[in-house]
Amino acid sequence: MVPVGEGQGLSLVREESVVAALWRTLSGAWDEARPFDGSYDHDSARSTSALIDEAILRLLLNGLEDKVIARRLDISLRTCQRRIADLMDALGARTRLQAGYVLGQRARTGERRAA
């Protein structure tokens, strides 16, 4: 069983060559996996969060829809929408147009802070 492309659901794969290729790929990935030590580095998490926010802003500025951004970043649509709302709030923007304008002004003045 494998996920169906863009939609929801699963597809049953019976072709032996496809199943063998999937098995090799997943086994190889598992062999390369490292144990998760369970530790939490607050600075690292904050840095990762900032990178995600920058990616969201970049994709928004390129005109992508929320669902496309969520899919590209492998996050849920609701999480994507919440982060966009948080970014707009941090920018002091009530609309996406206003957020784009604020970001454009910051880029013109050389301000590096995204939100």
PDB file of N, CA and C in Angstrom:
ATOM      1  N   MET A   1       0.840  -1.164   0.000  1.00  0.00           N
ATOM      2  CA  MET A   1       0.000   0.000   0.000  1.00  0.00           C
ATOM      3  C   MET A   1       0.894   1.240   0.000  1.00  0.00           C
ATOM      4  N   VAL A   2       0.595   2.175  -0.883  1.00  0.00           N
ATOM      5  CA  VAL A   2       1.331   3.436  -0.963  1.00  0.00           C
ATOM      6  C   VAL A   2       0.325   4.580  -1.052  1.00  0.00           C
ATOM      7  N   PRO A   3       0.706   5.773  -0.560  1.00  0.00           N
ATOM      8  CA  PRO A   3      -0.206   6.913  -0.649  1.00  0.00           C
ATOM      9  C   PRO A   3      -0.485   7.270  -2.105  1.00  0.00           C
ATOM     10  N   VAL A   4      -1.696   7.732  -2.362  1.00  0.00           N
ATOM     11  CA  VAL A   4      -2.079   8.167  -3.696  1.00  0.00           C
ATOM     12  C   VAL A   4      -1.608   9.607  -3.880  1.00  0.00           C
ATOM     13  N   GLY A   5      -0.857   9.868  -4.929  1.00  0.00           N
ATOM     14  CA  GLY A   5      -0.346  11.182  -5.317  1.00  0.00           C
ATOM     15  C   GLY A   5      -0.735  12.350  -4.452  1.00  0.00           C
ATOM     16  N   GLU A   6      -1.531  13.248  -4.998  1.00  0.00           N
ATOM     17  CA  GLU A   6      -1.910  14.480  -4.325  1.00  0.00           C
ATOM     18  C   GLU A   6      -3.144  14.306  -3.437  1.00  0.00           C
ATOM     19  N   GLY A   7      -3.932  13.290  -3.700  1.00  0.00           N
ATOM     20  CA  GLY A   7      -5.171  13.127  -2.962  1.00  0.00           C
ATOM     21  C   GLY A   7      -4.999  12.307  -1.700  1.00  0.00           C
ATOM     22  N   GLN A   8      -6.109  11.982  -1.122  1.00  0.00           N
ATOM     23  CA  GLN A   8      -6.096  11.135   0.061  1.00  0.00           C
ATOM     24  C   GLN A   8      -6.375   9.715  -0.373  1.00  0.00           C
ATOM     25  N   GLY A   9      -5.866   8.776   0.390  1.00  0.00           N
ATOM     26  CA  GLY A   9      -6.125   7.384   0.092  1.00  0.00           C
ATOM     27  C   GLY A   9      -4.859   6.611  -0.169  1.00  0.00           C
ATOM     28  N   LEU A  10      -5.032   5.323  -0.374  1.00  0.00           N
ATOM     29  CA  LEU A  10      -3.914   4.417  -0.606  1.00  0.00           C
ATOM     30  C   LEU A  10      -4.157   3.628  -1.877  1.00  0.00           C
ATOM     31  N   SER A  11      -3.066   3.163  -2.440  1.00  0.00           N
ATOM     32  CA  SER A  11      -3.144   2.336  -3.629  1.00  0.00           C
ATOM     33  C   SER A  11      -2.412   1.027  -3.335  1.00  0.00           C
ATOM     34  N   LEU A  12      -2.999  -0.069  -3.733  1.00  0.00           N
ATOM     35  CA  LEU A  12      -2.381  -1.378  -3.536  1.00  0.00           C
ATOM     36  C   LEU A  12      -1.469  -1.674  -4.719  1.00  0.00           C
ATOM     37  N   VAL A  13      -0.194  -1.898  -4.426  1.00  0.00           N
ATOM     38  CA  VAL A  13       0.796  -2.185  -5.468  1.00  0.00           C
ATOM     39  C   VAL A  13       1.107  -3.673  -5.415  1.00  0.00           C
ATOM     40  N   ARG A  14       0.946  -4.346  -6.535  1.00  0.00           N
ATOM     41  CA  ARG A  14       1.201  -5.786  -6.588  1.00  0.00           C
ATOM     42  C   ARG A  14       2.339  -6.140  -7.525  1.00  0.00           C
ATOM     43  N   GLU A  15       2.778  -5.197  -8.337  1.00  0.00           N
ATOM     44  CA  GLU A  15       3.864  -5.447  -9.279  1.00  0.00           C
ATOM     45  C   GLU A  15       5.135  -5.719  -8.484  1.00  0.00           C
ATOM     46  N   GLU A  16       5.696  -6.917  -8.657  1.00  0.00           N
ATOM     47  CA  GLU A  16       6.841  -7.347  -7.847  1.00  0.00           C
ATOM     48  C   GLU A  16       8.043  -6.426  -7.985  1.00  0.00           C
ATOM     49  N   SER A  17       8.323  -5.925  -9.174  1.00  0.00           N
ATOM     50  CA  SER A  17       9.489  -5.066  -9.355  1.00  0.00           C
ATOM     51  C   SER A  17       9.316  -3.739  -8.602  1.00  0.00           C
ATOM     52  N   VAL A  18       8.093  -3.221  -8.557  1.00  0.00           N
ATOM     53  CA  VAL A  18       7.821  -1.970  -7.842  1.00  0.00           C
ATOM     54  C   VAL A  18       7.931  -2.211  -6.340  1.00  0.00           C
ATOM     55  N   VAL A  19       7.358  -3.306  -5.866  1.00  0.00           N
ATOM     56  CA  VAL A  19       7.435  -3.633  -4.442  1.00  0.00           C
ATOM     57  C   VAL A  19       8.894  -3.834  -4.030  1.00  0.00           C
ATOM     58  N   ALA A  20       9.682  -4.513  -4.856  1.00  0.00           N
ATOM     59  CA  ALA A  20      11.101  -4.740  -4.552  1.00  0.00           C
ATOM     60  C   ALA A  20      11.866  -3.424  -4.501  1.00  0.00           C
ATOM     61  N   ALA A  21      11.581  -2.514  -5.436  1.00  0.00           N
ATOM     62  CA  ALA A  21      12.256  -1.212  -5.456  1.00  0.00           C
ATOM     63  C   ALA A  21      11.898  -0.402  -4.215  1.00  0.00           C
ATOM     64  N   LEU A  22      10.635  -0.415  -3.844  1.00  0.00           N
ATOM     65  CA  LEU A  22      10.213   0.293  -2.629  1.00  0.00           C
ATOM     66  C   LEU A  22      10.885  -0.304  -1.392  1.00  0.00           C
ATOM     67  N   TRP A  23      10.931  -1.625  -1.344  1.00  0.00           N
ATOM     68  CA  TRP A  23      11.560  -2.313  -0.210  1.00  0.00           C
ATOM     69  C   TRP A  23      13.037  -1.913  -0.087  1.00  0.00           C
ATOM     70  N   ARG A  24      13.765  -1.927  -1.207  1.00  0.00           N
ATOM     71  CA  ARG A  24      15.184  -1.552  -1.184  1.00  0.00           C
ATOM     72  C   ARG A  24      15.369  -0.104  -0.726  1.00  0.00           C
ATOM     73  N   THR A  25      14.528   0.774  -1.247  1.00  0.00           N
ATOM     74  CA  THR A  25      14.631   2.195  -0.890  1.00  0.00           C
ATOM     75  C   THR A  25      14.369   2.406   0.595  1.00  0.00           C
ATOM     76  N   LEU A  26      13.285   1.836   1.089  1.00  0.00           N
ATOM     77  CA  LEU A  26      12.944   2.023   2.501  1.00  0.00           C
ATOM     78  C   LEU A  26      13.926   1.317   3.430  1.00  0.00           C
ATOM     79  N   SER A  27      14.414   0.157   3.032  1.00  0.00           N
ATOM     80  CA  SER A  27      15.409  -0.546   3.855  1.00  0.00           C
ATOM     81  C   SER A  27      16.698   0.259   3.918  1.00  0.00           C
ATOM     82  N   GLY A  28      17.097   0.847   2.782  1.00  0.00           N
ATOM     83  CA  GLY A  28      18.301   1.676   2.760  1.00  0.00           C
ATOM     84  C   GLY A  28      18.147   2.901   3.644  1.00  0.00           C
ATOM     85  N   ALA A  29      16.975   3.514   3.594  1.00  0.00           N
ATOM     86  CA  ALA A  29      16.721   4.688   4.435  1.00  0.00           C
ATOM     87  C   ALA A  29      16.758   4.299   5.911  1.00  0.00           C
ATOM     88  N   TRP A  30      16.191   3.150   6.234  1.00  0.00           N
ATOM     89  CA  TRP A  30      16.176   2.693   7.619  1.00  0.00           C
ATOM     90  C   TRP A  30      17.598   2.405   8.104  1.00  0.00           C
ATOM     91  N   ASP A  31      18.420   1.826   7.229  1.00  0.00           N
ATOM     92  CA  ASP A  31      19.808   1.534   7.589  1.00  0.00           C
ATOM     93  C   ASP A  31      20.596   2.805   7.883  1.00  0.00           C
ATOM     94  N   GLU A  32      20.246   3.907   7.221  1.00  0.00           N
ATOM     95  CA  GLU A  32      20.938   5.184   7.405  1.00  0.00           C
ATOM     96  C   GLU A  32      20.384   5.992   8.578  1.00  0.00           C
ATOM     97  N   ALA A  33      19.276   5.544   9.149  1.00  0.00           N
ATOM     98  CA  ALA A  33      18.628   6.301  10.222  1.00  0.00           C
ATOM     99  C   ALA A  33      19.500   6.336  11.471  1.00  0.00           C
ATOM    100  N   ARG A  34      19.370   7.440  12.190  1.00  0.00           N
ATOM    101  CA  ARG A  34      20.089   7.590  13.449  1.00  0.00           C
ATOM    102  C   ARG A  34      19.077   7.643  14.582  1.00  0.00           C
ATOM    103  N   PRO A  35      19.431   7.116  15.746  1.00  0.00           N
ATOM    104  CA  PRO A  35      18.491   7.174  16.877  1.00  0.00           C
ATOM    105  C   PRO A  35      18.250   8.620  17.311  1.00  0.00           C
ATOM    106  N   PHE A  36      17.035   8.901  17.697  1.00  0.00           N
ATOM    107  CA  PHE A  36      16.687  10.207  18.230  1.00  0.00           C
ATOM    108  C   PHE A  36      16.985  10.187  19.717  1.00  0.00           C
ATOM    109  N   ASP A  37      17.856  11.100  20.149  1.00  0.00           N
ATOM    110  CA  ASP A  37      18.281  11.069  21.557  1.00  0.00           C
ATOM    111  C   ASP A  37      17.274  11.708  22.500  1.00  0.00           C
ATOM    112  N   GLY A  38      16.256  12.349  21.966  1.00  0.00           N
ATOM    113  CA  GLY A  38      15.214  12.913  22.813  1.00  0.00           C
ATOM    114  C   GLY A  38      15.564  14.259  23.406  1.00  0.00           C
ATOM    115  N   SER A  39      16.769  14.751  23.153  1.00  0.00           N
ATOM    116  CA  SER A  39      17.139  16.043  23.719  1.00  0.00           C
ATOM    117  C   SER A  39      16.483  17.158  22.915  1.00  0.00           C
ATOM    118  N   TYR A  40      16.343  18.292  23.542  1.00  0.00           N
ATOM    119  CA  TYR A  40      15.696  19.432  22.910  1.00  0.00           C
ATOM    120  C   TYR A  40      16.605  20.634  23.041  1.00  0.00           C
ATOM    121  N   ASP A  41      16.990  21.177  21.927  1.00  0.00           N
ATOM    122  CA  ASP A  41      17.841  22.359  21.899  1.00  0.00           C
ATOM    123  C   ASP A  41      16.968  23.543  21.482  1.00  0.00           C
ATOM    124  N   HIS A  42      16.663  24.405  22.436  1.00  0.00           N
ATOM    125  CA  HIS A  42      15.749  25.527  22.192  1.00  0.00           C
ATOM    126  C   HIS A  42      16.249  26.438  21.078  1.00  0.00           C
ATOM    127  N   ASP A  43      17.539  26.731  21.041  1.00  0.00           N
ATOM    128  CA  ASP A  43      18.085  27.611  20.011  1.00  0.00           C
ATOM    129  C   ASP A  43      17.962  26.990  18.619  1.00  0.00           C
ATOM    130  N   SER A  44      18.202  25.695  18.549  1.00  0.00           N
ATOM    131  CA  SER A  44      18.080  24.996  17.271  1.00  0.00           C
ATOM    132  C   SER A  44      16.625  25.006  16.787  1.00  0.00           C
ATOM    133  N   ALA A  45      15.695  24.781  17.705  1.00  0.00           N
ATOM    134  CA  ALA A  45      14.273  24.798  17.352  1.00  0.00           C
ATOM    135  C   ALA A  45      13.852  26.187  16.885  1.00  0.00           C
ATOM    136  N   ARG A  46      14.329  27.219  17.554  1.00  0.00           N
ATOM    137  CA  ARG A  46      14.000  28.589  17.161  1.00  0.00           C
ATOM    138  C   ARG A  46      14.561  28.900  15.776  1.00  0.00           C
ATOM    139  N   SER A  47      15.774  28.430  15.505  1.00  0.00           N
ATOM    140  CA  SER A  47      16.406  28.645  14.207  1.00  0.00           C
ATOM    141  C   SER A  47      15.621  27.941  13.102  1.00  0.00           C
ATOM    142  N   THR A  48      15.205  26.716  13.369  1.00  0.00           N
ATOM    143  CA  THR A  48      14.416  25.957  12.396  1.00  0.00           C
ATOM    144  C   THR A  48      13.080  26.644  12.143  1.00  0.00           C
ATOM    145  N   SER A  49      12.454  27.129  13.203  1.00  0.00           N
ATOM    146  CA  SER A  49      11.186  27.827  13.070  1.00  0.00           C
ATOM    147  C   SER A  49      11.343  29.082  12.209  1.00  0.00           C
ATOM    148  N   ALA A  50      12.438  29.798  12.398  1.00  0.00           N
ATOM    149  CA  ALA A  50      12.692  31.002  11.596  1.00  0.00           C
ATOM    150  C   ALA A  50      12.891  30.646  10.125  1.00  0.00           C
ATOM    151  N   LEU A  51      13.560  29.529   9.869  1.00  0.00           N
ATOM    152  CA  LEU A  51      13.761  29.093   8.482  1.00  0.00           C
ATOM    153  C   LEU A  51      12.427  28.746   7.820  1.00  0.00           C
ATOM    154  N   ILE A  52      11.541  28.112   8.574  1.00  0.00           N
ATOM    155  CA  ILE A  52      10.220  27.770   8.048  1.00  0.00           C
ATOM    156  C   ILE A  52       9.439  29.042   7.740  1.00  0.00           C
ATOM    157  N   ASP A  53       9.494  30.020   8.658  1.00  0.00           N
ATOM    158  CA  ASP A  53       8.795  31.282   8.432  1.00  0.00           C
ATOM    159  C   ASP A  53       9.341  31.998   7.196  1.00  0.00           C
ATOM    160  N   GLU A  54      10.645  32.000   7.013  1.00  0.00           N
ATOM    161  CA  GLU A  54      11.237  32.622   5.828  1.00  0.00           C
ATOM    162  C   GLU A  54      10.770  31.923   4.553  1.00  0.00           C
ATOM    163  N   ALA A  55      10.696  30.585   4.601  1.00  0.00           N
ATOM    164  CA  ALA A  55      10.230  29.821   3.435  1.00  0.00           C
ATOM    165  C   ALA A  55       8.770  30.157   3.136  1.00  0.00           C
ATOM    166  N   ILE A  56       7.951  30.257   4.172  1.00  0.00           N
ATOM    167  CA  ILE A  56       6.542  30.602   3.981  1.00  0.00           C
ATOM    168  C   ILE A  56       6.417  31.982   3.332  1.00  0.00           C
ATOM    169  N   LEU A  57       7.159  32.948   3.849  1.00  0.00           N
ATOM    170  CA  LEU A  57       7.102  34.303   3.278  1.00  0.00           C
ATOM    171  C   LEU A  57       7.540  34.310   1.823  1.00  0.00           C
ATOM    172  N   ARG A  58       8.611  33.594   1.517  1.00  0.00           N
ATOM    173  CA  ARG A  58       9.117  33.528   0.147  1.00  0.00           C
ATOM    174  C   ARG A  58       8.063  32.919  -0.790  1.00  0.00           C
ATOM    175  N   LEU A  59       7.423  31.848  -0.335  1.00  0.00           N
ATOM    176  CA  LEU A  59       6.413  31.191  -1.156  1.00  0.00           C
ATOM    177  C   LEU A  59       5.161  32.065  -1.308  1.00  0.00           C
ATOM    178  N   LEU A  60       4.796  32.783  -0.248  1.00  0.00           N
ATOM    179  CA  LEU A  60       3.674  33.711  -0.342  1.00  0.00           C
ATOM    180  C   LEU A  60       3.968  34.813  -1.348  1.00  0.00           C
ATOM    181  N   LEU A  61       5.182  35.342  -1.285  1.00  0.00           N
ATOM    182  CA  LEU A  61       5.563  36.413  -2.208  1.00  0.00           C
ATOM    183  C   LEU A  61       5.606  35.932  -3.657  1.00  0.00           C
ATOM    184  N   ASN A  62       5.769  34.628  -3.845  1.00  0.00           N
ATOM    185  CA  ASN A  62       5.736  34.051  -5.188  1.00  0.00           C
ATOM    186  C   ASN A  62       4.316  33.714  -5.627  1.00  0.00           C
ATOM    187  N   GLY A  63       3.340  34.037  -4.774  1.00  0.00           N
ATOM    188  CA  GLY A  63       1.942  33.886  -5.155  1.00  0.00           C
ATOM    189  C   GLY A  63       1.336  32.517  -4.935  1.00  0.00           C
ATOM    190  N   LEU A  64       1.990  31.662  -4.165  1.00  0.00           N
ATOM    191  CA  LEU A  64       1.442  30.321  -3.944  1.00  0.00           C
ATOM    192  C   LEU A  64       0.306  30.339  -2.925  1.00  0.00           C
ATOM    193  N   GLU A  65      -0.634  29.438  -3.104  1.00  0.00           N
ATOM    194  CA  GLU A  65      -1.757  29.298  -2.181  1.00  0.00           C
ATOM    195  C   GLU A  65      -1.315  28.559  -0.929  1.00  0.00           C
ATOM    196  N   ASP A  66      -2.080  28.737   0.146  1.00  0.00           N
ATOM    197  CA  ASP A  66      -1.752  28.109   1.423  1.00  0.00           C
ATOM    198  C   ASP A  66      -1.581  26.598   1.301  1.00  0.00           C
ATOM    199  N   LYS A  67      -2.497  25.948   0.574  1.00  0.00           N
ATOM    200  CA  LYS A  67      -2.432  24.488   0.480  1.00  0.00           C
ATOM    201  C   LYS A  67      -1.177  24.036  -0.262  1.00  0.00           C
ATOM    202  N   VAL A  68      -0.727  24.805  -1.236  1.00  0.00           N
ATOM    203  CA  VAL A  68       0.494  24.465  -1.969  1.00  0.00           C
ATOM    204  C   VAL A  68       1.712  24.673  -1.074  1.00  0.00           C
ATOM    205  N   ILE A  69       1.715  25.763  -0.313  1.00  0.00           N
ATOM    206  CA  ILE A  69       2.814  26.038   0.621  1.00  0.00           C
ATOM    207  C   ILE A  69       2.898  24.920   1.653  1.00  0.00           C
ATOM    208  N   ALA A  70       1.763  24.548   2.210  1.00  0.00           N
ATOM    209  CA  ALA A  70       1.730  23.482   3.218  1.00  0.00           C
ATOM    210  C   ALA A  70       2.287  22.179   2.652  1.00  0.00           C
ATOM    211  N   ARG A  71       1.890  21.860   1.437  1.00  0.00           N
ATOM    212  CA  ARG A  71       2.352  20.620   0.817  1.00  0.00           C
ATOM    213  C   ARG A  71       3.852  20.679   0.560  1.00  0.00           C
ATOM    214  N   ARG A  72       4.339  21.808   0.067  1.00  0.00           N
ATOM    215  CA  ARG A  72       5.775  21.937  -0.226  1.00  0.00           C
ATOM    216  C   ARG A  72       6.631  21.860   1.031  1.00  0.00           C
ATOM    217  N   LEU A  73       6.111  22.391   2.135  1.00  0.00           N
ATOM    218  CA  LEU A  73       6.883  22.388   3.384  1.00  0.00           C
ATOM    219  C   LEU A  73       6.574  21.176   4.255  1.00  0.00           C
ATOM    220  N   ASP A  74       5.665  20.342   3.774  1.00  0.00           N
ATOM    221  CA  ASP A  74       5.272  19.119   4.486  1.00  0.00           C
ATOM    222  C   ASP A  74       4.747  19.428   5.886  1.00  0.00           C
ATOM    223  N   ILE A  75       3.850  20.434   5.941  1.00  0.00           N
ATOM    224  CA  ILE A  75       3.158  20.754   7.183  1.00  0.00           C
ATOM    225  C   ILE A  75       1.667  20.743   6.892  1.00  0.00           C
ATOM    226  N   SER A  76       0.857  20.662   7.945  1.00  0.00           N
ATOM    227  CA  SER A  76      -0.590  20.643   7.716  1.00  0.00           C
ATOM    228  C   SER A  76      -1.062  22.011   7.234  1.00  0.00           C
ATOM    229  N   LEU A  77      -2.173  22.013   6.531  1.00  0.00           N
ATOM    230  CA  LEU A  77      -2.746  23.259   6.039  1.00  0.00           C
ATOM    231  C   LEU A  77      -3.062  24.187   7.203  1.00  0.00           C
ATOM    232  N   ARG A  78      -3.619  23.645   8.262  1.00  0.00           N
ATOM    233  CA  ARG A  78      -3.981  24.464   9.432  1.00  0.00           C
ATOM    234  C   ARG A  78      -2.737  25.088  10.059  1.00  0.00           C
ATOM    235  N   THR A  79      -1.657  24.323  10.178  1.00  0.00           N
ATOM    236  CA  THR A  79      -0.413  24.859  10.734  1.00  0.00           C
ATOM    237  C   THR A  79       0.121  25.968   9.839  1.00  0.00           C
ATOM    238  N   CYS A  80       0.065  25.760   8.549  1.00  0.00           N
ATOM    239  CA  CYS A  80       0.516  26.762   7.592  1.00  0.00           C
ATOM    240  C   CYS A  80      -0.296  28.044   7.750  1.00  0.00           C
ATOM    241  N   GLN A  81      -1.597  27.924   7.815  1.00  0.00           N
ATOM    242  CA  GLN A  81      -2.463  29.094   7.956  1.00  0.00           C
ATOM    243  C   GLN A  81      -2.215  29.818   9.277  1.00  0.00           C
ATOM    244  N   ARG A  82      -1.973  29.066  10.351  1.00  0.00           N
ATOM    245  CA  ARG A  82      -1.684  29.676  11.646  1.00  0.00           C
ATOM    246  C   ARG A  82      -0.382  30.455  11.593  1.00  0.00           C
ATOM    247  N   ARG A  83       0.640  29.864  10.959  1.00  0.00           N
ATOM    248  CA  ARG A  83       1.941  30.536  10.862  1.00  0.00           C
ATOM    249  C   ARG A  83       1.832  31.796  10.002  1.00  0.00           C
ATOM    250  N   ILE A  84       1.049  31.734   8.928  1.00  0.00           N
ATOM    251  CA  ILE A  84       0.846  32.914   8.090  1.00  0.00           C
ATOM    252  C   ILE A  84       0.167  34.014   8.902  1.00  0.00           C
ATOM    253  N   ALA A  85      -0.850  33.646   9.672  1.00  0.00           N
ATOM    254  CA  ALA A  85      -1.541  34.632  10.517  1.00  0.00           C
ATOM    255  C   ALA A  85      -0.578  35.242  11.533  1.00  0.00           C
ATOM    256  N   ASP A  86       0.281  34.408  12.130  1.00  0.00           N
ATOM    257  CA  ASP A  86       1.269  34.903  13.099  1.00  0.00           C
ATOM    258  C   ASP A  86       2.267  35.851  12.438  1.00  0.00           C
ATOM    259  N   LEU A  87       2.709  35.504  11.218  1.00  0.00           N
ATOM    260  CA  LEU A  87       3.642  36.363  10.488  1.00  0.00           C
ATOM    261  C   LEU A  87       2.994  37.703  10.150  1.00  0.00           C
ATOM    262  N   MET A  88       1.746  37.659   9.700  1.00  0.00           N
ATOM    263  CA  MET A  88       1.053  38.896   9.364  1.00  0.00           C
ATOM    264  C   MET A  88       0.871  39.763  10.605  1.00  0.00           C
ATOM    265  N   ASP A  89       0.565  39.140  11.717  1.00  0.00           N
ATOM    266  CA  ASP A  89       0.415  39.867  12.973  1.00  0.00           C
ATOM    267  C   ASP A  89       1.742  40.523  13.368  1.00  0.00           C
ATOM    268  N   ALA A  90       2.836  39.781  13.233  1.00  0.00           N
ATOM    269  CA  ALA A  90       4.156  40.323  13.569  1.00  0.00           C
ATOM    270  C   ALA A  90       4.536  41.485  12.648  1.00  0.00           C
ATOM    271  N   LEU A  91       4.062  41.446  11.416  1.00  0.00           N
ATOM    272  CA  LEU A  91       4.329  42.529  10.469  1.00  0.00           C
ATOM    273  C   LEU A  91       3.392  43.719  10.683  1.00  0.00           C
ATOM    274  N   GLY A  92       2.338  43.518  11.468  1.00  0.00           N
ATOM    275  CA  GLY A  92       1.344  44.561  11.667  1.00  0.00           C
ATOM    276  C   GLY A  92       0.426  44.707  10.466  1.00  0.00           C
ATOM    277  N   ALA A  93       0.272  43.629   9.714  1.00  0.00           N
ATOM    278  CA  ALA A  93      -0.523  43.665   8.490  1.00  0.00           C
ATOM    279  C   ALA A  93      -1.867  42.984   8.716  1.00  0.00           C
ATOM    280  N   ARG A  94      -2.927  43.591   8.160  1.00  0.00           N
ATOM    281  CA  ARG A  94      -4.255  42.992   8.257  1.00  0.00           C
ATOM    282  C   ARG A  94      -4.615  42.186   7.019  1.00  0.00           C
ATOM    283  N   THR A  95      -3.919  42.449   5.902  1.00  0.00           N
ATOM    284  CA  THR A  95      -4.180  41.717   4.663  1.00  0.00           C
ATOM    285  C   THR A  95      -2.854  41.226   4.086  1.00  0.00           C
ATOM    286  N   ARG A  96      -2.943  40.295   3.175  1.00  0.00           N
ATOM    287  CA  ARG A  96      -1.736  39.787   2.525  1.00  0.00           C
ATOM    288  C   ARG A  96      -1.091  40.865   1.658  1.00  0.00           C
ATOM    289  N   LEU A  97      -1.923  41.684   1.049  1.00  0.00           N
ATOM    290  CA  LEU A  97      -1.392  42.778   0.242  1.00  0.00           C
ATOM    291  C   LEU A  97      -0.568  43.720   1.117  1.00  0.00           C
ATOM    292  N   GLN A  98      -1.107  44.038   2.273  1.00  0.00           N
ATOM    293  CA  GLN A  98      -0.396  44.915   3.194  1.00  0.00           C
ATOM    294  C   GLN A  98       0.899  44.255   3.678  1.00  0.00           C
ATOM    295  N   ALA A  99       0.863  42.956   3.939  1.00  0.00           N
ATOM    296  CA  ALA A  99       2.067  42.237   4.366  1.00  0.00           C
ATOM    297  C   ALA A  99       3.134  42.288   3.273  1.00  0.00           C
ATOM    298  N   GLY A 100       2.726  42.092   2.015  1.00  0.00           N
ATOM    299  CA  GLY A 100       3.670  42.178   0.901  1.00  0.00           C
ATOM    300  C   GLY A 100       4.276  43.564   0.787  1.00  0.00           C
ATOM    301  N   TYR A 101       3.451  44.591   1.007  1.00  0.00           N
ATOM    302  CA  TYR A 101       3.946  45.965   0.954  1.00  0.00           C
ATOM    303  C   TYR A 101       4.981  46.203   2.059  1.00  0.00           C
ATOM    304  N   VAL A 102       4.660  45.775   3.274  1.00  0.00           N
ATOM    305  CA  VAL A 102       5.589  45.954   4.408  1.00  0.00           C
ATOM    306  C   VAL A 102       6.905  45.240   4.129  1.00  0.00           C
ATOM    307  N   LEU A 103       6.831  44.028   3.612  1.00  0.00           N
ATOM    308  CA  LEU A 103       8.055  43.286   3.299  1.00  0.00           C
ATOM    309  C   LEU A 103       8.850  43.979   2.198  1.00  0.00           C
ATOM    310  N   GLY A 104       8.147  44.516   1.207  1.00  0.00           N
ATOM    311  CA  GLY A 104       8.814  45.247   0.130  1.00  0.00           C
ATOM    312  C   GLY A 104       9.526  46.488   0.654  1.00  0.00           C
ATOM    313  N   GLN A 105       8.860  47.210   1.558  1.00  0.00           N
ATOM    314  CA  GLN A 105       9.476  48.393   2.162  1.00  0.00           C
ATOM    315  C   GLN A 105      10.719  48.018   2.959  1.00  0.00           C
ATOM    316  N   ARG A 106      10.627  46.925   3.686  1.00  0.00           N
ATOM    317  CA  ARG A 106      11.781  46.478   4.472  1.00  0.00           C
ATOM    318  C   ARG A 106      12.934  46.070   3.572  1.00  0.00           C
ATOM    319  N   ALA A 107      12.614  45.429   2.468  1.00  0.00           N
ATOM    320  CA  ALA A 107      13.663  45.021   1.533  1.00  0.00           C
ATOM    321  C   ALA A 107      14.347  46.254   0.936  1.00  0.00           C
ATOM    322  N   ARG A 108      13.557  47.276   0.618  1.00  0.00           N
ATOM    323  CA  ARG A 108      14.106  48.503   0.055  1.00  0.00           C
ATOM    324  C   ARG A 108      15.018  49.225   1.032  1.00  0.00           C
ATOM    325  N   THR A 109      14.667  49.204   2.303  1.00  0.00           N
ATOM    326  CA  THR A 109      15.470  49.895   3.311  1.00  0.00           C
ATOM    327  C   THR A 109      16.595  49.033   3.861  1.00  0.00           C
ATOM    328  N   GLY A 110      16.637  47.773   3.406  1.00  0.00           N
ATOM    329  CA  GLY A 110      17.718  46.873   3.824  1.00  0.00           C
ATOM    330  C   GLY A 110      17.481  46.193   5.158  1.00  0.00           C
ATOM    331  N   GLU A 111      16.275  46.263   5.682  1.00  0.00           N
ATOM    332  CA  GLU A 111      15.968  45.615   6.951  1.00  0.00           C
ATOM    333  C   GLU A 111      15.868  44.119   6.730  1.00  0.00           C
ATOM    334  N   ARG A 112      16.650  43.331   7.468  1.00  0.00           N
ATOM    335  CA  ARG A 112      16.713  41.878   7.269  1.00  0.00           C
ATOM    336  C   ARG A 112      15.649  41.134   8.053  1.00  0.00           C
ATOM    337  N   ARG A 113      15.076  41.726   9.051  1.00  0.00           N
ATOM    338  CA  ARG A 113      14.111  41.047   9.910  1.00  0.00           C
ATOM    339  C   ARG A 113      12.856  40.727   9.120  1.00  0.00           C
ATOM    340  N   ALA A 114      12.486  39.434   9.055  1.00  0.00           N
ATOM    341  CA  ALA A 114      11.314  39.005   8.279  1.00  0.00           C
ATOM    342  C   ALA A 114      10.018  39.413   8.977  1.00  0.00           C
ATOM    343  N   ALA A 115       9.960  39.210  10.274  1.00  0.00           N
ATOM    344  CA  ALA A 115       8.753  39.551  11.036  1.00  0.00           C
ATOM    345  C   ALA A 115       9.117  39.785  12.467  1.00  0.00           C
TER     346      ALA A 115
END
